[in-house]
N, C-alpha and C. Protein backbone atom coordinates (compact mmCIF):
# COMPACT_ATOMS: atom_id res chain seq x y z
N MET A 1 9.91 -19.22 -5.83
CA MET A 1 9.25 -18.26 -4.96
C MET A 1 9.06 -16.96 -5.73
N TRP A 2 7.90 -16.39 -5.59
CA TRP A 2 7.57 -15.10 -6.21
C TRP A 2 7.40 -14.04 -5.15
N VAL A 3 7.91 -12.86 -5.45
CA VAL A 3 7.74 -11.69 -4.60
C VAL A 3 7.08 -10.61 -5.45
N GLY A 4 5.99 -10.06 -4.94
CA GLY A 4 5.30 -8.97 -5.62
C GLY A 4 5.26 -7.75 -4.72
N THR A 5 5.47 -6.60 -5.31
CA THR A 5 5.38 -5.36 -4.54
C THR A 5 4.41 -4.42 -5.24
N ILE A 6 3.78 -3.59 -4.45
CA ILE A 6 2.93 -2.54 -4.99
C ILE A 6 3.15 -1.29 -4.14
N GLU A 7 3.23 -0.18 -4.81
CA GLU A 7 3.36 1.10 -4.12
C GLU A 7 2.17 1.97 -4.48
N PHE A 8 1.54 2.50 -3.46
CA PHE A 8 0.37 3.36 -3.64
C PHE A 8 0.76 4.81 -3.42
N ALA A 9 0.43 5.68 -4.37
CA ALA A 9 0.56 7.13 -4.20
C ALA A 9 -0.81 7.64 -3.81
N LEU A 10 -0.91 8.23 -2.63
CA LEU A 10 -2.20 8.64 -2.08
C LEU A 10 -2.26 10.14 -1.84
N LEU A 11 -3.44 10.68 -2.05
CA LEU A 11 -3.75 12.06 -1.66
C LEU A 11 -4.73 11.96 -0.51
N LEU A 12 -4.37 12.54 0.62
CA LEU A 12 -5.21 12.47 1.81
C LEU A 12 -6.25 13.57 1.78
N GLY A 13 -7.36 13.31 2.44
CA GLY A 13 -8.47 14.26 2.46
C GLY A 13 -8.18 15.52 3.24
N ASP A 14 -9.01 15.84 4.20
CA ASP A 14 -8.94 17.07 4.97
C ASP A 14 -7.86 16.97 6.03
N VAL A 15 -6.60 17.10 5.61
CA VAL A 15 -5.44 16.98 6.50
C VAL A 15 -4.63 18.26 6.42
N HIS A 16 -4.27 18.82 7.58
CA HIS A 16 -3.53 20.08 7.60
C HIS A 16 -2.22 20.02 8.37
N THR A 17 -1.96 18.90 9.04
CA THR A 17 -0.71 18.76 9.79
C THR A 17 -0.19 17.33 9.63
N LEU A 18 1.08 17.14 9.97
CA LEU A 18 1.65 15.80 9.92
C LEU A 18 1.03 14.90 10.98
N LYS A 19 0.60 15.47 12.09
CA LYS A 19 -0.08 14.69 13.12
C LYS A 19 -1.42 14.14 12.59
N GLU A 20 -2.16 14.95 11.88
CA GLU A 20 -3.41 14.49 11.26
C GLU A 20 -3.12 13.43 10.20
N LYS A 21 -2.02 13.60 9.47
CA LYS A 21 -1.64 12.62 8.46
C LYS A 21 -1.42 11.25 9.12
N ARG A 22 -0.70 11.23 10.24
CA ARG A 22 -0.46 9.96 10.94
C ARG A 22 -1.77 9.30 11.33
N ALA A 23 -2.78 10.09 11.67
CA ALA A 23 -4.08 9.55 12.05
C ALA A 23 -4.77 8.86 10.88
N PHE A 24 -4.40 9.19 9.64
CA PHE A 24 -4.93 8.52 8.46
C PHE A 24 -4.05 7.33 8.06
N VAL A 25 -2.74 7.52 8.09
CA VAL A 25 -1.82 6.53 7.54
C VAL A 25 -1.68 5.31 8.45
N ARG A 26 -1.51 5.53 9.74
CA ARG A 26 -1.31 4.40 10.66
C ARG A 26 -2.45 3.38 10.61
N PRO A 27 -3.70 3.79 10.68
CA PRO A 27 -4.77 2.79 10.59
C PRO A 27 -4.80 2.06 9.25
N LEU A 28 -4.49 2.77 8.17
CA LEU A 28 -4.46 2.13 6.86
C LEU A 28 -3.38 1.07 6.80
N VAL A 29 -2.18 1.40 7.27
CA VAL A 29 -1.08 0.44 7.29
C VAL A 29 -1.44 -0.77 8.16
N SER A 30 -2.02 -0.52 9.32
CA SER A 30 -2.42 -1.61 10.22
C SER A 30 -3.49 -2.49 9.59
N ASP A 31 -4.48 -1.87 8.95
CA ASP A 31 -5.54 -2.64 8.30
C ASP A 31 -5.00 -3.52 7.19
N LEU A 32 -4.10 -2.98 6.37
CA LEU A 32 -3.50 -3.77 5.29
C LEU A 32 -2.71 -4.95 5.86
N ARG A 33 -1.90 -4.68 6.86
CA ARG A 33 -1.08 -5.73 7.47
C ARG A 33 -1.95 -6.83 8.08
N ARG A 34 -2.96 -6.43 8.82
CA ARG A 34 -3.82 -7.39 9.52
C ARG A 34 -4.73 -8.16 8.56
N THR A 35 -5.33 -7.48 7.60
CA THR A 35 -6.30 -8.09 6.71
C THR A 35 -5.65 -9.04 5.70
N PHE A 36 -4.50 -8.65 5.16
CA PHE A 36 -3.89 -9.42 4.07
C PHE A 36 -2.62 -10.16 4.47
N GLU A 37 -2.15 -9.98 5.70
CA GLU A 37 -0.94 -10.63 6.19
C GLU A 37 0.24 -10.39 5.25
N VAL A 38 0.52 -9.11 5.00
CA VAL A 38 1.60 -8.67 4.12
C VAL A 38 2.51 -7.71 4.87
N SER A 39 3.66 -7.42 4.28
CA SER A 39 4.56 -6.42 4.84
C SER A 39 4.19 -5.06 4.26
N VAL A 40 4.03 -4.08 5.13
CA VAL A 40 3.57 -2.76 4.72
C VAL A 40 4.38 -1.68 5.42
N ALA A 41 4.68 -0.59 4.70
CA ALA A 41 5.38 0.54 5.30
C ALA A 41 5.07 1.81 4.53
N GLU A 42 5.12 2.93 5.22
CA GLU A 42 5.07 4.22 4.54
C GLU A 42 6.46 4.43 3.94
N THR A 43 6.53 4.61 2.63
CA THR A 43 7.82 4.57 1.94
C THR A 43 8.34 5.91 1.46
N ASP A 44 7.49 6.91 1.35
CA ASP A 44 7.94 8.19 0.81
C ASP A 44 6.96 9.28 1.24
N ASP A 45 7.31 10.51 0.97
CA ASP A 45 6.46 11.68 1.25
C ASP A 45 6.15 11.85 2.73
N GLN A 46 7.08 11.44 3.61
CA GLN A 46 6.83 11.58 5.04
C GLN A 46 6.72 13.03 5.49
N ASP A 47 7.32 13.95 4.75
CA ASP A 47 7.30 15.35 5.16
C ASP A 47 6.17 16.15 4.51
N LEU A 48 5.39 15.52 3.65
CA LEU A 48 4.24 16.19 3.02
C LEU A 48 2.97 15.74 3.71
N TYR A 49 2.18 16.68 4.22
CA TYR A 49 1.03 16.29 5.03
C TYR A 49 -0.18 15.82 4.23
N ARG A 50 -0.28 16.13 2.94
CA ARG A 50 -1.44 15.67 2.16
C ARG A 50 -1.13 14.51 1.22
N ARG A 51 0.13 14.10 1.17
CA ARG A 51 0.54 12.99 0.30
C ARG A 51 1.11 11.87 1.14
N ALA A 52 0.92 10.64 0.67
CA ALA A 52 1.50 9.48 1.33
C ALA A 52 1.82 8.44 0.27
N SER A 53 2.91 7.73 0.49
CA SER A 53 3.28 6.59 -0.34
C SER A 53 3.37 5.38 0.56
N ILE A 54 2.61 4.36 0.23
CA ILE A 54 2.57 3.14 1.02
C ILE A 54 3.09 2.00 0.15
N GLY A 55 4.07 1.27 0.66
CA GLY A 55 4.63 0.13 -0.05
C GLY A 55 4.21 -1.17 0.61
N VAL A 56 3.89 -2.17 -0.23
CA VAL A 56 3.44 -3.47 0.27
C VAL A 56 4.21 -4.56 -0.46
N ALA A 57 4.60 -5.61 0.26
CA ALA A 57 5.29 -6.75 -0.34
C ALA A 57 4.54 -8.04 -0.01
N VAL A 58 4.45 -8.93 -1.01
CA VAL A 58 3.77 -10.21 -0.88
C VAL A 58 4.72 -11.30 -1.36
N VAL A 59 4.78 -12.40 -0.64
CA VAL A 59 5.59 -13.55 -1.04
C VAL A 59 4.68 -14.76 -1.16
N ALA A 60 4.84 -15.51 -2.27
CA ALA A 60 4.03 -16.71 -2.49
C ALA A 60 4.78 -17.68 -3.39
N GLY A 61 4.25 -18.88 -3.46
CA GLY A 61 4.87 -19.92 -4.27
C GLY A 61 4.61 -19.79 -5.76
N ASP A 62 3.51 -19.12 -6.12
CA ASP A 62 3.22 -18.95 -7.55
C ASP A 62 2.77 -17.52 -7.84
N ASN A 63 3.02 -17.10 -9.07
CA ASN A 63 2.76 -15.72 -9.47
C ASN A 63 1.27 -15.38 -9.47
N SER A 64 0.41 -16.34 -9.77
CA SER A 64 -1.03 -16.05 -9.83
C SER A 64 -1.56 -15.66 -8.45
N HIS A 65 -1.03 -16.27 -7.39
CA HIS A 65 -1.46 -15.90 -6.04
C HIS A 65 -0.99 -14.49 -5.70
N VAL A 66 0.24 -14.16 -6.08
CA VAL A 66 0.77 -12.81 -5.82
C VAL A 66 -0.09 -11.78 -6.54
N ILE A 67 -0.43 -12.01 -7.79
CA ILE A 67 -1.27 -11.08 -8.56
C ILE A 67 -2.64 -10.92 -7.91
N ALA A 68 -3.23 -12.03 -7.47
CA ALA A 68 -4.55 -11.97 -6.84
C ALA A 68 -4.51 -11.13 -5.56
N VAL A 69 -3.48 -11.29 -4.74
CA VAL A 69 -3.37 -10.52 -3.51
C VAL A 69 -3.16 -9.04 -3.83
N LEU A 70 -2.30 -8.73 -4.80
CA LEU A 70 -2.07 -7.33 -5.17
C LEU A 70 -3.35 -6.69 -5.70
N ASP A 71 -4.15 -7.44 -6.46
CA ASP A 71 -5.44 -6.91 -6.94
C ASP A 71 -6.37 -6.60 -5.77
N LYS A 72 -6.42 -7.49 -4.79
CA LYS A 72 -7.27 -7.25 -3.61
C LYS A 72 -6.79 -6.04 -2.82
N LEU A 73 -5.47 -5.91 -2.68
CA LEU A 73 -4.92 -4.76 -1.99
C LEU A 73 -5.31 -3.46 -2.68
N GLU A 74 -5.20 -3.43 -4.01
CA GLU A 74 -5.53 -2.22 -4.75
C GLU A 74 -7.00 -1.86 -4.60
N ARG A 75 -7.88 -2.86 -4.68
CA ARG A 75 -9.32 -2.59 -4.48
C ARG A 75 -9.60 -2.08 -3.07
N PHE A 76 -8.91 -2.64 -2.08
CA PHE A 76 -9.09 -2.24 -0.69
C PHE A 76 -8.70 -0.78 -0.49
N VAL A 77 -7.54 -0.39 -1.00
CA VAL A 77 -7.07 0.99 -0.83
C VAL A 77 -7.95 1.95 -1.64
N ALA A 78 -8.31 1.57 -2.86
CA ALA A 78 -9.15 2.44 -3.70
C ALA A 78 -10.53 2.65 -3.08
N GLY A 79 -10.99 1.71 -2.28
CA GLY A 79 -12.30 1.82 -1.65
C GLY A 79 -12.34 2.62 -0.37
N ARG A 80 -11.18 3.06 0.10
CA ARG A 80 -11.14 3.85 1.33
C ARG A 80 -11.61 5.27 1.04
N PRO A 81 -12.64 5.75 1.75
CA PRO A 81 -13.18 7.08 1.45
C PRO A 81 -12.27 8.23 1.88
N GLU A 82 -11.35 7.99 2.82
CA GLU A 82 -10.52 9.07 3.33
C GLU A 82 -9.30 9.38 2.48
N VAL A 83 -9.04 8.56 1.45
CA VAL A 83 -7.88 8.79 0.59
C VAL A 83 -8.28 8.70 -0.87
N ASP A 84 -7.54 9.41 -1.72
CA ASP A 84 -7.68 9.29 -3.17
C ASP A 84 -6.45 8.56 -3.68
N LEU A 85 -6.68 7.48 -4.40
CA LEU A 85 -5.58 6.71 -4.98
C LEU A 85 -5.14 7.40 -6.26
N LEU A 86 -3.94 7.98 -6.26
CA LEU A 86 -3.44 8.71 -7.42
C LEU A 86 -2.77 7.79 -8.42
N ALA A 87 -1.99 6.82 -7.93
CA ALA A 87 -1.26 5.92 -8.83
C ALA A 87 -0.82 4.69 -8.06
N THR A 88 -0.55 3.62 -8.82
CA THR A 88 0.05 2.42 -8.25
C THR A 88 1.20 1.99 -9.15
N HIS A 89 2.14 1.31 -8.55
CA HIS A 89 3.26 0.75 -9.32
C HIS A 89 3.53 -0.65 -8.78
N ARG A 90 3.51 -1.64 -9.68
CA ARG A 90 3.74 -3.03 -9.29
C ARG A 90 5.07 -3.52 -9.83
N SER A 91 5.68 -4.42 -9.06
CA SER A 91 6.91 -5.09 -9.50
C SER A 91 6.83 -6.55 -9.07
N PHE A 92 7.41 -7.42 -9.89
CA PHE A 92 7.43 -8.85 -9.60
C PHE A 92 8.86 -9.37 -9.69
N PHE A 93 9.21 -10.28 -8.78
CA PHE A 93 10.53 -10.87 -8.78
C PHE A 93 10.36 -12.38 -8.60
N ASN A 94 11.17 -13.14 -9.29
CA ASN A 94 11.19 -14.59 -9.16
C ASN A 94 12.58 -15.00 -8.70
N THR A 95 12.68 -15.87 -7.72
CA THR A 95 13.99 -16.25 -7.22
C THR A 95 14.78 -17.07 -8.24
N GLU A 96 14.13 -17.58 -9.25
CA GLU A 96 14.82 -18.35 -10.28
C GLU A 96 15.42 -17.47 -11.35
N ASP A 97 15.13 -16.17 -11.33
CA ASP A 97 15.69 -15.24 -12.33
C ASP A 97 17.15 -14.97 -12.07
């Protein structure tokens, strides 16, 4: 079994309060969860209104499928006009390690 994770560092657009931030982050998290059937959570920067960190985990039987899903996730987030993708970080784990 392979587990892949990706963390997105995001800069939000015209956001001035934490309430406005939630209006950007919640739909993004929901869209990722619904579209790709993955585990998603806001993982860091909860107290900064223009920054967000979103973590995603994927589980599959082979590493090539995990890589393909992570690539699709990255393209999906990078294509969102309301956020700027600052950085990504990927990690892979194999249960046989």
